[in-house]
């Protein structure tokens, strides 16, 4: 048995618990563990019902990002889901926290789905330039109908439990406080004949809905005609209405690999990983301990930070942020630094404070420029600002936003100019990672996300 999957028994119920923190991602060990647990539970003559759930706060948040870009390892997810669906014993999924991507596809392969309150469900693969490749486009329409499935999958929507219940995606919402208790309650209800199982793949094909597909296709052509995977999703969904499940799954898998081979998938996944790393300051592992934030002035950012527990707000017309701190990475005395709020179009060549904080127009993106190499303080400030629901791009010396926006202001081809400027910014040492430029350009300057960012594109072209 895998260390990331635990099998236990309670009477005639087998409990399969996924334990792969922090989000119970579907790593190879989890997939193998589910298969091994099924083998044991099915071979046990006492067991009548099998319940699958996650340890902790999450059911399954999707694929393991550590496996992205690597050759698939056996057992692959479609085989695990098909095995769950074919089981001769009742298989109940208890979804909780989130059930996303492959996690929801696992639940679709079970015979009954019960959700704890506040659970969020969805198939967001389109946001990474992909489509659900383990049965999502074939099983979901059989439960919800084609129009709903098409809307959810092409937009990568997250669905709440009430919507999931009324649409037919799940069978019940549990009042139990934990997934384990919900699993045992559902198992007992099945034993008492109070619930009806549904093997999703054995349900009839969803009726074709040409009008719904045409409407979504037209919207995609108007809003994002350059994207690849949404149109492949529609092809897979249309096939779900006419093909037997096995053929539909094969066709879905072909389209999945078409998307995997697309340059857009590489660009979107590059942005995904870059966004996850953006707030980590090299050298800032031991962040400074902030002791007070002194704020002044009538500025939206000052107002946003006013609720911070360390904030002290002073009246006055001068906008200012003064940070009092102790630096955990050194033995120096407590310090005070000033953060200067700078207009996005200002000249950054002569900074007046230790940090410049640029509020980028028409966005919730901020750039925090460190002029003096105070990594621990910058890391602490990033934490404060992200806690106030801002996206923060950390940089050093001078502003990345200023460099990119100035270079593209009068350029005929903004994308080419941004790519050239990105290479120059890296050479000038303005960023901690080249990928930070890509996140800034996409999130604040309108560079197309599916291209991965200007530095990503510039290095591809070399």
Protein backbone atom coordinates (compact mmCIF):
# COMPACT_ATOMS: atom_id res chain seq x y z
CA UNK A 1 0.00 0.00 0.00
CA UNK A 2 1.23 3.49 -0.83
CA UNK A 3 2.22 5.85 1.98
CA UNK A 4 -0.11 8.46 0.49
CA UNK A 5 -3.24 6.28 0.56
CA UNK A 6 -4.59 4.55 3.68
CA UNK A 7 -7.15 1.74 3.76
CA UNK A 8 -9.20 0.98 6.85
CA UNK A 9 -12.39 -0.92 7.60
CA UNK A 10 -15.50 -0.02 9.55
CA UNK A 11 -17.93 -2.94 9.55
CA UNK A 12 -18.76 -3.71 5.93
CA UNK A 13 -17.34 -0.38 4.71
CA UNK A 14 -13.85 0.12 3.29
CA UNK A 15 -12.50 3.63 3.79
CA UNK A 16 -9.87 4.80 1.29
CA UNK A 17 -8.22 7.98 2.56
CA UNK A 18 -5.90 10.02 0.35
CA UNK A 19 -3.06 11.55 2.36
CA UNK A 20 -0.78 13.58 0.09
CA UNK A 21 -0.43 17.02 1.71
CA UNK A 22 -0.90 19.85 1.21
CA UNK A 23 -3.70 19.38 -1.37
CA UNK A 24 -3.86 15.60 -1.95
CA UNK A 25 -2.59 15.97 -5.52
CA UNK A 26 -2.90 12.94 -7.79
CA UNK A 27 0.75 11.89 -7.80
CA UNK A 28 1.83 8.48 -9.07
CA UNK A 29 1.89 7.14 -5.50
CA UNK A 30 -1.70 8.28 -4.96
CA UNK A 31 -2.89 6.69 -8.19
CA UNK A 32 -1.11 3.43 -7.38
CA UNK A 33 -2.38 3.57 -3.81
CA UNK A 34 -6.01 3.91 -4.91
CA UNK A 35 -5.61 0.90 -7.22
CA UNK A 36 -4.01 -1.19 -4.47
CA UNK A 37 -6.70 -0.22 -1.96
CA UNK A 38 -9.41 -1.16 -4.44
CA UNK A 39 -7.78 -4.57 -4.95
CA UNK A 40 -7.83 -5.27 -1.22
CA UNK A 41 -11.33 -3.92 -0.61
CA UNK A 42 -12.81 -5.84 -3.52
CA UNK A 43 -11.10 -9.07 -2.44
CA UNK A 44 -12.51 -8.78 1.09
CA UNK A 45 -15.83 -10.70 1.19
CA UNK A 46 -17.04 -8.71 4.22
CA UNK A 47 -16.88 -5.39 2.39
CA UNK A 48 -20.03 -4.20 0.67
CA UNK A 49 -19.29 -0.52 0.05
CA UNK A 50 -16.13 1.53 -0.57
CA UNK A 51 -15.84 5.22 0.36
CA UNK A 52 -13.13 7.50 -1.02
CA UNK A 53 -12.15 10.81 0.61
CA UNK A 54 -9.16 13.02 1.39
CA UNK A 55 -7.33 13.56 4.64
CA UNK A 56 -7.39 17.13 5.89
CA UNK A 57 -9.35 19.96 4.33
CA UNK A 58 -9.20 18.94 0.66
CA UNK A 59 -10.53 16.01 -1.38
CA UNK A 60 -8.19 16.22 -4.41
CA UNK A 61 -7.00 19.53 -5.86
CA UNK A 62 -5.94 17.99 -9.18
CA UNK A 63 -2.76 16.74 -10.82
CA UNK A 64 0.61 16.84 -9.10
CA UNK A 65 2.40 19.88 -10.52
CA UNK A 66 5.73 18.15 -9.87
CA UNK A 67 4.84 15.75 -12.69
CA UNK A 68 4.03 18.47 -15.25
CA UNK A 69 6.07 18.04 -18.42
CA UNK A 70 7.30 14.56 -17.47
CA UNK A 71 6.39 11.25 -19.13
CA UNK A 72 3.28 9.74 -17.51
CA UNK A 73 3.88 6.98 -14.98
CA UNK A 74 1.63 3.96 -14.55
CA UNK A 75 -1.10 3.77 -13.49
CA UNK A 76 -2.35 6.74 -15.48
CA UNK A 77 -5.39 8.56 -14.16
CA UNK A 78 -7.91 7.36 -16.79
CA UNK A 79 -7.14 3.75 -15.81
CA UNK A 80 -7.71 4.53 -12.12
CA UNK A 81 -11.05 6.21 -12.84
CA UNK A 82 -12.23 3.43 -15.15
CA UNK A 83 -11.35 0.93 -12.45
CA UNK A 84 -13.39 2.84 -9.85
CA UNK A 85 -16.36 2.96 -12.18
CA UNK A 86 -16.17 -0.76 -13.03
CA UNK A 87 -16.07 -1.87 -9.39
CA UNK A 88 -18.77 -4.41 -8.54
CA UNK A 89 -19.00 -2.96 -5.05
CA UNK A 90 -20.63 0.37 -4.34
CA UNK A 91 -18.11 3.24 -4.54
CA UNK A 92 -18.93 6.53 -2.83
CA UNK A 93 -16.89 9.73 -3.21
CA UNK A 94 -16.99 12.26 -0.38
CA UNK A 95 -15.75 15.55 -1.82
CA UNK A 96 -14.73 18.34 0.51
CA UNK A 97 -12.74 21.55 0.35
CA UNK A 98 -12.05 21.41 -3.36
CA UNK A 99 -12.42 18.76 -6.05
CA UNK A 100 -10.68 20.16 -9.09
CA UNK A 101 -9.49 18.80 -12.43
CA UNK A 102 -8.47 15.18 -12.03
CA UNK A 103 -9.94 15.26 -8.52
CA UNK A 104 -13.41 15.92 -9.89
CA UNK A 105 -12.84 13.34 -12.62
CA UNK A 106 -12.09 10.79 -9.87
CA UNK A 107 -15.41 11.66 -8.24
CA UNK A 108 -17.19 11.34 -11.60
CA UNK A 109 -15.91 7.75 -11.80
CA UNK A 110 -17.50 6.86 -8.46
CA UNK A 111 -21.09 5.63 -8.16
CA UNK A 112 -22.36 8.26 -5.72
CA UNK A 113 -21.08 11.74 -4.88
CA UNK A 114 -21.72 13.48 -1.59
CA UNK A 115 -20.17 16.87 -0.79
CA UNK A 116 -19.51 18.65 2.46
CA UNK A 117 -20.80 22.21 2.66
CA UNK A 118 -18.62 24.97 1.20
CA UNK A 119 -16.94 22.57 -1.24
CA UNK A 120 -15.86 23.95 -4.62
CA UNK A 121 -15.83 21.74 -7.72
CA UNK A 122 -14.57 22.35 -11.23
CA UNK A 123 -12.57 21.37 -14.28
CA UNK A 124 -10.19 24.34 -14.76
CA UNK A 125 -7.76 22.68 -17.21
CA UNK A 126 -8.58 25.26 -19.91
CA UNK A 127 -6.66 27.83 -17.86
CA UNK A 128 -3.51 25.80 -18.50
CA UNK A 129 -4.21 25.34 -22.19
CA UNK A 130 -5.55 21.82 -21.68
CA UNK A 131 -8.83 19.94 -21.52
CA UNK A 132 -9.93 17.36 -18.96
CA UNK A 133 -8.13 14.23 -20.11
CA UNK A 134 -9.51 11.57 -17.77
CA UNK A 135 -13.17 11.50 -18.71
CA UNK A 136 -14.36 14.96 -17.66
CA UNK A 137 -15.73 15.91 -21.08
CA UNK A 138 -17.49 12.54 -21.45
CA UNK A 139 -18.94 11.94 -17.98
CA UNK A 140 -19.94 15.44 -16.88
CA UNK A 141 -22.48 15.98 -19.73
CA UNK A 142 -24.15 12.67 -18.80
CA UNK A 143 -24.90 14.17 -15.37
CA UNK A 144 -25.56 17.85 -16.07
CA UNK A 145 -26.52 18.00 -19.72
CA UNK A 146 -24.37 19.38 -22.52
CA UNK A 147 -25.03 23.12 -22.14
CA UNK A 148 -24.00 23.28 -18.48
CA UNK A 149 -20.95 21.08 -19.00
CA UNK A 150 -19.82 23.17 -21.97
CA UNK A 151 -20.12 26.42 -20.05
CA UNK A 152 -18.29 25.10 -16.98
CA UNK A 153 -15.42 23.42 -18.83
CA UNK A 154 -14.72 26.09 -21.46
CA UNK A 155 -14.63 28.76 -18.75
CA UNK A 156 -12.91 26.63 -16.09
CA UNK A 157 -15.63 27.61 -13.63
CA UNK A 158 -15.64 26.67 -9.94
CA UNK A 159 -19.02 25.46 -8.77
CA UNK A 160 -20.51 25.60 -5.27
CA UNK A 161 -22.27 22.65 -3.68
CA UNK A 162 -25.82 23.96 -4.18
CA UNK A 163 -25.21 24.49 -7.90
CA UNK A 164 -23.54 21.09 -8.14
CA UNK A 165 -26.56 19.46 -6.49
CA UNK A 166 -29.26 21.16 -8.57
CA UNK A 167 -27.35 20.44 -11.80
CA UNK A 168 -27.04 16.72 -11.03
CA UNK A 169 -23.26 16.73 -10.62
CA UNK A 170 -23.47 15.51 -7.01
CA UNK A 171 -26.12 13.42 -5.30
CA UNK A 172 -26.23 14.96 -1.81
CA UNK A 173 -24.81 17.59 0.53
CA UNK A 174 -23.77 16.26 3.93
CA UNK A 175 -24.18 18.05 7.27
CA UNK A 176 -21.44 15.93 8.83
CA UNK A 177 -18.41 17.83 10.17
CA UNK A 178 -15.76 15.57 8.59
CA UNK A 179 -15.31 13.61 5.39
CA UNK A 180 -14.87 10.36 7.31
CA UNK A 181 -18.16 10.80 9.15
CA UNK A 182 -19.90 11.75 5.90
CA UNK A 183 -18.47 8.60 4.29
CA UNK A 184 -19.81 6.35 7.06
CA UNK A 185 -23.21 8.07 7.02
CA UNK A 186 -23.52 7.68 3.24
CA UNK A 187 -22.41 4.05 3.43
CA UNK A 188 -25.08 3.32 6.03
CA UNK A 189 -27.71 5.11 3.95
CA UNK A 190 -26.78 2.88 1.00
CA UNK A 191 -26.99 -0.22 3.17
CA UNK A 192 -30.45 0.90 4.31
CA UNK A 193 -31.58 1.32 0.72
CA UNK A 194 -31.99 5.09 1.07
CA UNK A 195 -29.72 6.18 -1.78
CA UNK A 196 -29.47 5.20 -5.42
CA UNK A 197 -26.14 4.58 -7.10
CA UNK A 198 -25.32 5.87 -10.59
CA UNK A 199 -22.40 4.65 -12.67
CA UNK A 200 -21.85 7.78 -14.72
CA UNK A 201 -20.39 6.00 -17.74
CA UNK A 202 -23.47 3.76 -17.96
CA UNK A 203 -25.87 6.71 -18.12
CA UNK A 204 -27.28 7.63 -21.55
CA UNK A 205 -25.38 10.10 -23.70
CA UNK A 206 -26.46 13.68 -23.11
CA UNK A 207 -28.81 14.89 -25.86
CA UNK A 208 -27.08 16.99 -28.49
CA UNK A 209 -27.61 20.73 -28.04
CA UNK A 210 -26.40 22.38 -31.22
CA UNK A 211 -27.68 25.79 -30.18
CA UNK A 212 -25.73 25.79 -26.89
CA UNK A 213 -22.51 24.68 -28.59
CA UNK A 214 -22.93 27.24 -31.38
CA UNK A 215 -23.53 30.01 -28.84
CA UNK A 216 -20.41 29.14 -26.81
CA UNK A 217 -18.31 28.75 -29.96
CA UNK A 218 -19.42 32.19 -31.17
CA UNK A 219 -18.59 33.75 -27.80
CA UNK A 220 -15.13 32.17 -27.88
CA UNK A 221 -14.54 33.45 -31.42
CA UNK A 222 -15.38 36.96 -30.26
CA UNK A 223 -13.50 36.94 -26.95
CA UNK A 224 -10.46 34.71 -27.49
CA UNK A 225 -10.23 33.40 -31.06
CA UNK A 226 -6.49 32.82 -30.66
CA UNK A 227 -6.90 30.17 -27.96
CA UNK A 228 -6.61 26.50 -28.86
CA UNK A 229 -7.94 24.34 -26.03
CA UNK A 230 -11.47 25.81 -25.66
CA UNK A 231 -12.34 24.76 -29.21
CA UNK A 232 -10.93 21.27 -28.63
CA UNK A 233 -13.10 21.06 -25.52
CA UNK A 234 -16.18 21.74 -27.64
CA UNK A 235 -15.15 18.97 -30.03
CA UNK A 236 -14.82 16.51 -27.15
CA UNK A 237 -18.17 17.56 -25.70
CA UNK A 238 -19.93 17.17 -29.03
CA UNK A 239 -18.49 13.65 -29.26
CA UNK A 240 -19.91 12.83 -25.82
CA UNK A 241 -23.40 13.10 -27.28
CA UNK A 242 -22.90 10.51 -29.99
CA UNK A 243 -20.05 8.13 -29.11
CA UNK A 244 -20.15 5.22 -26.67
CA UNK A 245 -18.17 6.00 -23.52
CA UNK A 246 -15.10 3.98 -24.48
CA UNK A 247 -14.81 5.66 -27.88
CA UNK A 248 -15.49 9.08 -26.38
CA UNK A 249 -12.73 8.58 -23.83
CA UNK A 250 -10.28 7.64 -26.58
CA UNK A 251 -11.21 10.72 -28.59
CA UNK A 252 -10.94 12.95 -25.52
CA UNK A 253 -7.46 11.55 -24.85
CA UNK A 254 -6.36 12.30 -28.43
CA UNK A 255 -7.52 15.89 -28.07
CA UNK A 256 -5.83 16.12 -24.66
CA UNK A 257 -2.47 15.21 -26.20
CA UNK A 258 -3.09 17.68 -29.05
CA UNK A 259 -3.40 20.38 -26.38
CA UNK A 260 -0.35 19.06 -24.55
CA UNK A 261 1.68 19.55 -27.73
CA UNK A 262 0.40 23.11 -28.21
CA UNK A 263 2.81 26.03 -27.59
CA UNK A 264 -0.06 27.68 -25.74
CA UNK A 265 -0.01 24.97 -23.10
CA UNK A 266 3.70 25.61 -22.53
CA UNK A 267 3.09 29.36 -22.23
CA UNK A 268 0.17 29.05 -19.83
CA UNK A 269 1.94 26.55 -17.60
CA UNK A 270 5.04 28.79 -17.59
CA UNK A 271 2.84 31.64 -16.29
CA UNK A 272 1.24 29.30 -13.74
CA UNK A 273 4.58 28.34 -12.19
CA UNK A 274 5.94 31.88 -12.45
CA UNK A 275 2.90 33.23 -10.58
CA UNK A 276 3.46 30.73 -7.77
CA UNK A 277 7.07 31.86 -7.32
CA UNK A 278 6.51 35.59 -7.66
CA UNK A 279 6.29 36.47 -3.96
CA UNK A 280 9.43 34.63 -2.86
CA UNK A 281 12.37 36.99 -2.35
CA UNK A 282 15.84 35.37 -2.64
CA UNK A 283 17.55 36.04 0.66
CA UNK A 284 14.26 36.87 2.33
CA UNK A 285 13.69 33.44 3.85
CA UNK A 286 14.06 34.95 7.35
CA UNK A 287 11.67 37.82 6.80
CA UNK A 288 11.93 40.86 9.02
CA UNK A 289 9.44 41.10 11.87
CA UNK A 290 7.29 44.17 11.37
CA UNK A 291 6.40 45.97 14.59
CA UNK A 292 4.40 48.91 13.25
CA UNK A 293 3.06 50.38 10.01
CA UNK A 294 2.59 54.14 10.12
CA UNK A 295 0.27 55.29 7.38
CA UNK A 296 -0.81 58.77 6.33
CA UNK A 297 -2.64 60.46 3.51
CA UNK A 298 -5.81 59.95 1.52
CA UNK A 299 -4.75 57.15 -0.79
CA UNK A 300 -6.56 53.92 -1.72
CA UNK A 301 -3.56 51.83 -0.74
CA UNK A 302 -3.30 53.53 2.66
CA UNK A 303 -7.01 52.81 3.19
CA UNK A 304 -6.52 49.18 2.19
CA UNK A 305 -3.75 48.74 4.76
CA UNK A 306 -5.52 50.62 7.53
CA UNK A 307 -7.12 47.43 8.86
CA UNK A 308 -3.78 45.69 9.35
CA UNK A 309 -3.29 44.89 13.05
CA UNK A 310 0.03 46.77 13.12
CA UNK A 311 -1.28 49.85 11.29
CA UNK A 312 -1.25 53.31 12.86
CA UNK A 313 -3.06 55.85 10.69
CA UNK A 314 -2.21 59.54 11.02
CA UNK A 315 -4.21 62.38 9.46
CA UNK A 316 -2.44 64.54 6.93
CA UNK A 317 -2.28 65.32 3.27
CA UNK A 318 1.14 63.77 2.66
CA UNK A 319 0.91 60.17 1.55
CA UNK A 320 3.37 57.95 3.35
CA UNK A 321 4.11 54.47 4.63
CA UNK A 322 6.70 54.13 7.37
CA UNK A 323 7.71 50.61 8.37
CA UNK A 324 9.13 49.79 11.80
CA UNK A 325 10.80 46.40 11.97
CA UNK A 326 13.28 44.05 13.54
CA UNK A 327 15.32 42.08 11.04
CA UNK A 328 15.26 38.38 11.90
CA UNK A 329 18.12 37.68 9.47
CA UNK A 330 20.65 39.92 11.26
CA UNK A 331 21.54 41.04 14.74
CA UNK A 332 21.14 44.72 13.98
CA UNK A 333 18.90 46.99 16.03
CA UNK A 334 15.26 47.55 15.12
CA UNK A 335 14.97 49.88 12.13
CA UNK A 336 12.66 52.22 10.31
CA UNK A 337 12.31 52.54 6.55
CA UNK A 338 10.10 54.65 4.35
CA UNK A 339 8.09 53.30 1.45
CA UNK A 340 7.45 55.89 -1.24
CA UNK A 341 4.22 55.62 -3.22
CA UNK A 342 5.12 56.46 -6.79
CA UNK A 343 2.99 57.33 -9.78
CA UNK A 344 3.21 54.65 -12.43
CA UNK A 345 4.60 57.11 -14.99
CA UNK A 346 7.18 58.71 -12.68
CA UNK A 347 10.93 58.83 -13.23
CA UNK A 348 12.51 56.09 -11.10
CA UNK A 349 16.13 57.11 -11.53
CA UNK A 350 16.35 58.97 -8.20
CA UNK A 351 14.49 57.03 -5.50
CA UNK A 352 13.67 59.05 -2.38
CA UNK A 353 13.16 56.08 -0.03
CA UNK A 354 14.34 52.53 0.65
CA UNK A 355 11.37 51.16 -1.30
CA UNK A 356 9.19 52.44 -4.09
CA UNK A 357 5.64 51.10 -4.29
CA UNK A 358 4.04 51.54 -7.69
CA UNK A 359 0.27 51.28 -8.00
CA UNK A 360 -0.22 50.10 -11.57
CA UNK A 361 -3.24 51.73 -13.25
CA UNK A 362 -6.46 49.80 -13.83
CA UNK A 363 -5.32 46.75 -11.85
CA UNK A 364 -4.78 45.38 -8.36
CA UNK A 365 -1.11 44.82 -9.22
CA UNK A 366 1.59 46.57 -7.19
CA UNK A 367 5.32 46.64 -7.84
CA UNK A 368 7.55 46.83 -4.78
CA UNK A 369 11.04 48.04 -5.74
CA UNK A 370 13.88 47.45 -3.26
CA UNK A 371 16.55 50.14 -3.72
CA UNK A 372 18.84 49.10 -0.85
CA UNK A 373 18.93 45.30 -0.79
CA UNK A 374 16.71 44.81 2.28
CA UNK A 375 15.49 41.32 1.35
CA UNK A 376 14.00 40.47 4.74
CA UNK A 377 12.00 43.70 4.89
CA UNK A 378 10.84 43.33 1.29
CA UNK A 379 9.61 39.80 2.02
CA UNK A 380 7.68 41.03 5.06
CA UNK A 381 6.13 43.87 3.04
CA UNK A 382 5.09 41.47 0.28
CA UNK A 383 3.26 39.40 2.90
CA UNK A 384 1.45 42.48 4.23
CA UNK A 385 0.42 43.65 0.76
CA UNK A 386 -0.77 40.24 -0.45
CA UNK A 387 -2.74 39.94 2.79
CA UNK A 388 -4.57 43.09 1.70
CA UNK A 389 -5.54 41.26 -1.53
CA UNK A 390 -3.04 42.89 -3.87
CA UNK A 391 -0.88 41.07 -6.40
CA UNK A 392 2.69 42.10 -5.71
CA UNK A 393 5.61 42.02 -8.15
CA UNK A 394 8.89 42.42 -6.22
CA UNK A 395 11.84 43.95 -8.06
CA UNK A 396 15.12 45.70 -7.28
CA UNK A 397 17.13 48.81 -8.18
CA UNK A 398 14.59 50.36 -10.56
CA UNK A 399 11.04 49.65 -11.69
CA UNK A 400 10.34 46.81 -14.09
CA UNK A 401 6.98 48.36 -14.91
CA UNK A 402 8.66 51.65 -15.72
CA UNK A 403 11.19 49.95 -17.97
CA UNK A 404 8.62 47.91 -19.89
CA UNK A 405 5.94 50.57 -20.21
CA UNK A 406 8.44 53.21 -21.34
CA UNK A 407 9.87 50.89 -24.00
CA UNK A 408 6.44 50.03 -25.39
CA UNK A 409 4.83 53.46 -25.20
CA UNK A 410 5.46 54.52 -28.79
CA UNK A 411 6.37 51.15 -30.30
CA UNK A 412 4.50 49.99 -33.35
CA UNK A 413 4.65 46.38 -32.21
CA UNK A 414 4.20 46.45 -28.43
CA UNK A 415 4.87 42.75 -28.00
CA UNK A 416 8.21 42.85 -29.79
CA UNK A 417 9.23 45.97 -27.89
CA UNK A 418 8.27 44.33 -24.60
CA UNK A 419 10.29 41.22 -25.45
CA UNK A 420 13.34 43.35 -26.24
CA UNK A 421 12.86 45.36 -23.05
CA UNK A 422 12.49 42.17 -21.00
CA UNK A 423 15.91 40.95 -22.07
CA UNK A 424 17.44 44.33 -21.21
CA UNK A 425 15.77 44.36 -17.78
CA UNK A 426 17.28 40.97 -16.96
CA UNK A 427 20.72 42.16 -18.05
CA UNK A 428 20.31 45.25 -15.85
CA UNK A 429 19.47 43.06 -12.84
CA UNK A 430 16.05 44.61 -12.19
CA UNK A 431 14.30 41.32 -11.43
CA UNK A 432 14.85 38.43 -9.05
CA UNK A 433 13.83 35.92 -11.72
CA UNK A 434 13.24 36.45 -15.45
CA UNK A 435 9.79 34.90 -15.01
CA UNK A 436 8.81 37.82 -12.76
CA UNK A 437 8.89 40.03 -15.85
CA UNK A 438 6.49 37.65 -17.58
CA UNK A 439 4.00 37.82 -14.71
CA UNK A 440 4.17 41.62 -14.63
CA UNK A 441 3.75 41.95 -18.38
CA UNK A 442 0.75 39.62 -18.46
CA UNK A 443 -1.00 40.78 -15.30
CA UNK A 444 -0.40 44.52 -15.67
CA UNK A 445 0.52 45.35 -19.27
CA UNK A 446 -1.82 43.17 -21.28
CA UNK A 447 0.75 40.79 -22.78
CA UNK A 448 -1.16 37.65 -23.92
CA UNK A 449 -1.08 35.01 -21.22
CA UNK A 450 -1.03 32.09 -23.65
CA UNK A 451 2.33 33.32 -24.99
CA UNK A 452 3.87 32.88 -21.55
CA UNK A 453 5.33 36.39 -21.26
CA UNK A 454 7.82 38.57 -23.16
CA UNK A 455 10.97 37.06 -21.67
CA UNK A 456 9.63 33.53 -22.24
CA UNK A 457 8.96 34.37 -25.89
CA UNK A 458 12.25 36.20 -26.38
CA UNK A 459 14.23 33.20 -25.13
CA UNK A 460 12.23 30.83 -27.33
CA UNK A 461 13.19 32.87 -30.37
CA UNK A 462 16.93 32.81 -29.63
